C-alpha cells in the first residue's frame, strides 16, 4: 500500500493504523460485534491482532465493514461480497501498475523528444538513455565488453 493512500486523510492520519477494539469498530460500522467476528472468520475483513490475540480495526477496516454491510443489505451473498472485494483489490493493483507504466512511458517519450536515441546499460542492468556522444558511467567492478554487429 502506498504512503499516499495511507495518508489520504487530512493531517497525515494513517487509515491503516489498528486503533479500534471490536466493540468500537462494531458501533462505528453499525453492526454487532459477533458479525465482525464472522466476517473475520470468512476473511472478508481481517483486522490486525494484538500480542494477546485481540482484534484491532483501522479506519479503512471500518469503511470496508460498512461496504460489506451495504452489499449484504442489497442482497449480495457473502461469497459474492468476497469475490467483489477480491476483484476490487485486483483492480487497485492493476491501476497502480498502469500508473507506474504510464510514468515510465512518459519518461521514455521525454528522452526521445530531447533527441536522446542512444542507450546504455545501467548499474542494475536497466536500459538507460544517454545523449549522443556521451559515454555511459564506468563501473570499476565491470570488465564486460559487448560487441554489436548489425545484420547485413
C-alpha atoms as a PDB file:
ATOM      1  CA  UNK A   1       0.000   0.000   0.000  1.00  0.00           C
ATOM      2  CA  UNK A   2       1.370   3.395  -0.917  1.00  0.00           C
ATOM      3  CA  UNK A   3       2.073   6.145   1.566  1.00  0.00           C
ATOM      4  CA  UNK A   4      -0.255   8.398  -0.417  1.00  0.00           C
ATOM      5  CA  UNK A   5      -3.138   6.013   0.274  1.00  0.00           C
ATOM      6  CA  UNK A   6      -2.156   5.584   3.897  1.00  0.00           C
ATOM      7  CA  UNK A   7      -2.044   9.316   4.439  1.00  0.00           C
ATOM      8  CA  UNK A   8      -5.133  10.065   2.375  1.00  0.00           C
ATOM      9  CA  UNK A   9      -6.894  11.717   5.270  1.00  0.00           C
ATOM     10  CA  UNK A  10      -6.204  15.288   6.376  1.00  0.00           C
ATOM     11  CA  UNK A  11      -3.348  15.718   8.800  1.00  0.00           C
ATOM     12  CA  UNK A  12      -1.496  12.629   7.575  1.00  0.00           C
ATOM     13  CA  UNK A  13      -3.679  10.266   9.649  1.00  0.00           C
ATOM     14  CA  UNK A  14      -2.853   6.652   8.859  1.00  0.00           C
ATOM     15  CA  UNK A  15      -6.070   4.931   7.707  1.00  0.00           C
ATOM     16  CA  UNK A  16      -4.406   1.547   8.235  1.00  0.00           C
ATOM     17  CA  UNK A  17      -3.420   2.113  11.877  1.00  0.00           C
ATOM     18  CA  UNK A  18      -5.126  -0.557  14.029  1.00  0.00           C
ATOM     19  CA  UNK A  19      -6.788   1.624  16.668  1.00  0.00           C
ATOM     20  CA  UNK A  20     -10.325   0.376  17.338  1.00  0.00           C
ATOM     21  CA  UNK A  21     -11.248  -2.565  19.573  1.00  0.00           C
ATOM     22  CA  UNK A  22     -14.026  -4.778  18.223  1.00  0.00           C
ATOM     23  CA  UNK A  23     -16.819  -3.118  20.229  1.00  0.00           C
ATOM     24  CA  UNK A  24     -15.910   0.359  18.948  1.00  0.00           C
ATOM     25  CA  UNK A  25     -15.461  -0.860  15.354  1.00  0.00           C
ATOM     26  CA  UNK A  26     -18.848  -2.607  15.548  1.00  0.00           C
ATOM     27  CA  UNK A  27     -20.503   0.581  16.784  1.00  0.00           C
ATOM     28  CA  UNK A  28     -18.810   2.702  14.100  1.00  0.00           C
ATOM     29  CA  UNK A  29     -19.885   0.237  11.398  1.00  0.00           C
ATOM     30  CA  UNK A  30     -23.404  -0.108  12.798  1.00  0.00           C
ATOM     31  CA  UNK A  31     -23.142  -3.858  13.358  1.00  0.00           C
ATOM     32  CA  UNK A  32     -22.990  -6.385  16.139  1.00  0.00           C
ATOM     33  CA  UNK A  33     -19.530  -7.478  17.311  1.00  0.00           C
ATOM     34  CA  UNK A  34     -20.432 -11.085  16.508  1.00  0.00           C
ATOM     35  CA  UNK A  35     -20.936 -10.084  12.859  1.00  0.00           C
ATOM     36  CA  UNK A  36     -17.406  -8.656  12.796  1.00  0.00           C
ATOM     37  CA  UNK A  37     -16.067 -11.935  14.191  1.00  0.00           C
ATOM     38  CA  UNK A  38     -17.926 -13.857  11.467  1.00  0.00           C
ATOM     39  CA  UNK A  39     -16.552 -11.577   8.738  1.00  0.00           C
ATOM     40  CA  UNK A  40     -13.052 -12.105  10.166  1.00  0.00           C
ATOM     41  CA  UNK A  41     -13.514 -15.907  10.116  1.00  0.00           C
ATOM     42  CA  UNK A  42     -14.689 -15.706   6.494  1.00  0.00           C
ATOM     43  CA  UNK A  43     -11.770 -13.454   5.528  1.00  0.00           C
ATOM     44  CA  UNK A  44     -13.978 -10.564   4.398  1.00  0.00           C
ATOM     45  CA  UNK A  45     -12.410  -8.063   6.793  1.00  0.00           C
ATOM     46  CA  UNK A  46      -9.197  -9.098   8.506  1.00  0.00           C
ATOM     47  CA  UNK A  47      -8.253  -6.825  11.412  1.00  0.00           C
ATOM     48  CA  UNK A  48      -4.792  -6.620  12.957  1.00  0.00           C
ATOM     49  CA  UNK A  49      -4.148  -8.617  16.106  1.00  0.00           C
ATOM     50  CA  UNK A  50      -2.559  -7.658  19.395  1.00  0.00           C
ATOM     51  CA  UNK A  51       0.034  -9.896  21.013  1.00  0.00           C
ATOM     52  CA  UNK A  52      -2.762 -11.359  23.115  1.00  0.00           C
ATOM     53  CA  UNK A  53      -4.866 -12.101  20.022  1.00  0.00           C
ATOM     54  CA  UNK A  54      -7.355  -9.245  20.366  1.00  0.00           C
ATOM     55  CA  UNK A  55      -8.713  -7.709  17.177  1.00  0.00           C
ATOM     56  CA  UNK A  56      -7.808  -4.125  16.307  1.00  0.00           C
ATOM     57  CA  UNK A  57      -9.637  -2.417  13.454  1.00  0.00           C
ATOM     58  CA  UNK A  58      -8.378   0.509  11.397  1.00  0.00           C
ATOM     59  CA  UNK A  59     -10.382   3.327   9.839  1.00  0.00           C
ATOM     60  CA  UNK A  60     -10.022   1.517   6.495  1.00  0.00           C
ATOM     61  CA  UNK A  61     -11.357  -1.702   8.091  1.00  0.00           C
ATOM     62  CA  UNK A  62     -14.436   0.157   9.398  1.00  0.00           C
ATOM     63  CA  UNK A  63     -15.086   1.621   5.929  1.00  0.00           C
ATOM     64  CA  UNK A  64     -14.769  -1.889   4.471  1.00  0.00           C
ATOM     65  CA  UNK A  65     -17.218  -3.230   7.078  1.00  0.00           C
ATOM     66  CA  UNK A  66     -19.722  -0.584   6.019  1.00  0.00           C
ATOM     67  CA  UNK A  67     -19.261  -1.581   2.368  1.00  0.00           C
ATOM     68  CA  UNK A  68     -19.771  -5.266   3.212  1.00  0.00           C
ATOM     69  CA  UNK A  69     -22.914  -4.344   5.128  1.00  0.00           C
ATOM     70  CA  UNK A  70     -24.231  -2.243   2.229  1.00  0.00           C
ATOM     71  CA  UNK A  71     -23.661  -5.051  -0.280  1.00  0.00           C
ATOM     72  CA  UNK A  72     -25.247  -7.577   2.076  1.00  0.00           C
ATOM     73  CA  UNK A  73     -28.334  -5.394   2.518  1.00  0.00           C
ATOM     74  CA  UNK A  74     -28.608  -5.163  -1.282  1.00  0.00           C
ATOM     75  CA  UNK A  75     -28.921  -8.949  -1.396  1.00  0.00           C
ATOM     76  CA  UNK A  76     -25.372  -9.941  -2.364  1.00  0.00           C
ATOM     77  CA  UNK A  77     -24.305 -13.231  -0.770  1.00  0.00           C
ATOM     78  CA  UNK A  78     -21.203 -13.356   1.425  1.00  0.00           C
ATOM     79  CA  UNK A  79     -19.415 -15.392  -1.284  1.00  0.00           C
ATOM     80  CA  UNK A  80     -20.382 -12.714  -3.796  1.00  0.00           C
ATOM     81  CA  UNK A  81     -19.120  -9.978  -1.487  1.00  0.00           C
ATOM     82  CA  UNK A  82     -15.829 -11.834  -1.064  1.00  0.00           C
ATOM     83  CA  UNK A  83     -15.422 -12.067  -4.848  1.00  0.00           C
ATOM     84  CA  UNK A  84     -16.261  -8.372  -5.275  1.00  0.00           C
ATOM     85  CA  UNK A  85     -13.613  -7.439  -2.698  1.00  0.00           C
ATOM     86  CA  UNK A  86     -11.027  -9.680  -4.414  1.00  0.00           C
ATOM     87  CA  UNK A  87     -11.783  -8.069  -7.770  1.00  0.00           C
ATOM     88  CA  UNK A  88     -11.541  -4.572  -6.282  1.00  0.00           C
ATOM     89  CA  UNK A  89      -8.117  -5.463  -4.873  1.00  0.00           C
ATOM     90  CA  UNK A  90      -7.025  -6.708  -8.304  1.00  0.00           C
ATOM     91  CA  UNK A  91      -8.319  -3.529  -9.947  1.00  0.00           C
ATOM     92  CA  UNK A  92      -6.374  -1.385  -7.444  1.00  0.00           C
ATOM     93  CA  UNK A  93      -3.184  -3.345  -8.159  1.00  0.00           C
ATOM     94  CA  UNK A  94      -3.692  -3.074 -11.916  1.00  0.00           C
ATOM     95  CA  UNK A  95      -4.369   0.662 -11.688  1.00  0.00           C
ATOM     96  CA  UNK A  96      -1.143   1.113  -9.715  1.00  0.00           C
ATOM     97  CA  UNK A  97       0.754  -0.871 -12.371  1.00  0.00           C
ATOM     98  CA  UNK A  98      -0.804   1.210 -15.170  1.00  0.00           C
ATOM     99  CA  UNK A  99       0.258   4.397 -13.379  1.00  0.00           C
ATOM    100  CA  UNK A 100       3.797   3.030 -12.990  1.00  0.00           C
ATOM    101  CA  UNK A 101       3.990   2.028 -16.669  1.00  0.00           C
ATOM    102  CA  UNK A 102       2.500   5.353 -17.779  1.00  0.00           C
ATOM    103  CA  UNK A 103       5.187   7.196 -15.841  1.00  0.00           C
ATOM    104  CA  UNK A 104       7.921   5.049 -17.412  1.00  0.00           C
ATOM    105  CA  UNK A 105       6.420   5.648 -20.865  1.00  0.00           C
ATOM    106  CA  UNK A 106       6.291   9.405 -20.244  1.00  0.00           C
ATOM    107  CA  UNK A 107       9.959   9.363 -19.221  1.00  0.00           C
ATOM    108  CA  UNK A 108      10.908   7.390 -22.331  1.00  0.00           C
ATOM    109  CA  UNK A 109       8.946   9.786 -24.547  1.00  0.00           C
ATOM    110  CA  UNK A 110      10.627  12.773 -22.891  1.00  0.00           C
ATOM    111  CA  UNK A 111      14.021  11.190 -23.524  1.00  0.00           C
ATOM    112  CA  UNK A 112      13.136  10.647 -27.186  1.00  0.00           C
ATOM    113  CA  UNK A 113      11.809  14.180 -27.541  1.00  0.00           C
ATOM    114  CA  UNK A 114      15.083  15.589 -26.227  1.00  0.00           C
ATOM    115  CA  UNK A 115      16.931  13.883 -29.077  1.00  0.00           C
ATOM    116  CA  UNK A 116      18.357  11.118 -26.950  1.00  0.00           C
ATOM    117  CA  UNK A 117      18.379   7.992 -29.064  1.00  0.00           C
ATOM    118  CA  UNK A 118      21.459   6.282 -27.637  1.00  0.00           C
ATOM    119  CA  UNK A 119      21.096   3.755 -24.867  1.00  0.00           C
ATOM    120  CA  UNK A 120      23.448   2.198 -22.329  1.00  0.00           C
ATOM    121  CA  UNK A 121      23.095  -0.400 -19.610  1.00  0.00           C
ATOM    122  CA  UNK A 122      22.708   0.997 -16.108  1.00  0.00           C
ATOM    123  CA  UNK A 123      24.267  -0.445 -12.943  1.00  0.00           C
ATOM    124  CA  UNK A 124      21.246  -2.683 -12.286  1.00  0.00           C
ATOM    125  CA  UNK A 125      21.010  -3.950 -15.862  1.00  0.00           C
ATOM    126  CA  UNK A 126      18.320  -1.487 -16.890  1.00  0.00           C
ATOM    127  CA  UNK A 127      18.317   0.347 -20.228  1.00  0.00           C
ATOM    128  CA  UNK A 128      19.348   3.988 -19.749  1.00  0.00           C
ATOM    129  CA  UNK A 129      19.024   6.630 -22.473  1.00  0.00           C
ATOM    130  CA  UNK A 130      22.093   8.845 -22.919  1.00  0.00           C
ATOM    131  CA  UNK A 131      22.823  11.740 -25.256  1.00  0.00           C
ATOM    132  CA  UNK A 132      24.745  11.096 -28.461  1.00  0.00           C
ATOM    133  CA  UNK A 133      28.474  11.450 -27.835  1.00  0.00           C
ATOM    134  CA  UNK A 134      28.071  10.925 -24.095  1.00  0.00           C
ATOM    135  CA  UNK A 135      29.825   7.956 -22.543  1.00  0.00           C
ATOM    136  CA  UNK A 136      27.964   5.772 -20.073  1.00  0.00           C
ATOM    137  CA  UNK A 137      29.273   5.929 -16.484  1.00  0.00           C
ATOM    138  CA  UNK A 138      32.068   3.471 -15.894  1.00  0.00           C
ATOM    139  CA  UNK A 139      31.728   0.890 -13.182  1.00  0.00           C
ATOM    140  CA  UNK A 140      35.076  -0.155 -11.756  1.00  0.00           C
ATOM    141  CA  UNK A 141      33.883  -3.669 -10.949  1.00  0.00           C
ATOM    142  CA  UNK A 142      32.760  -4.415 -14.507  1.00  0.00           C
ATOM    143  CA  UNK A 143      35.062  -5.893 -17.124  1.00  0.00           C
ATOM    144  CA  UNK A 144      32.236  -6.655 -19.552  1.00  0.00           C
ATOM    145  CA  UNK A 145      32.550  -5.982 -23.249  1.00  0.00           C
ATOM    146  CA  UNK A 146      29.569  -6.017 -25.597  1.00  0.00           C
ATOM    147  CA  UNK A 147      30.057  -6.235 -29.340  1.00  0.00           C
ATOM    148  CA  UNK A 148      27.157  -5.358 -31.571  1.00  0.00           C
ATOM    149  CA  UNK A 149      27.171  -6.480 -35.163  1.00  0.00           C
ATOM    150  CA  UNK A 150      24.258  -5.288 -37.275  1.00  0.00           C
ATOM    151  CA  UNK A 151      22.723  -7.845 -39.562  1.00  0.00           C
ATOM    152  CA  UNK A 152      23.668  -7.365 -43.199  1.00  0.00           C
END
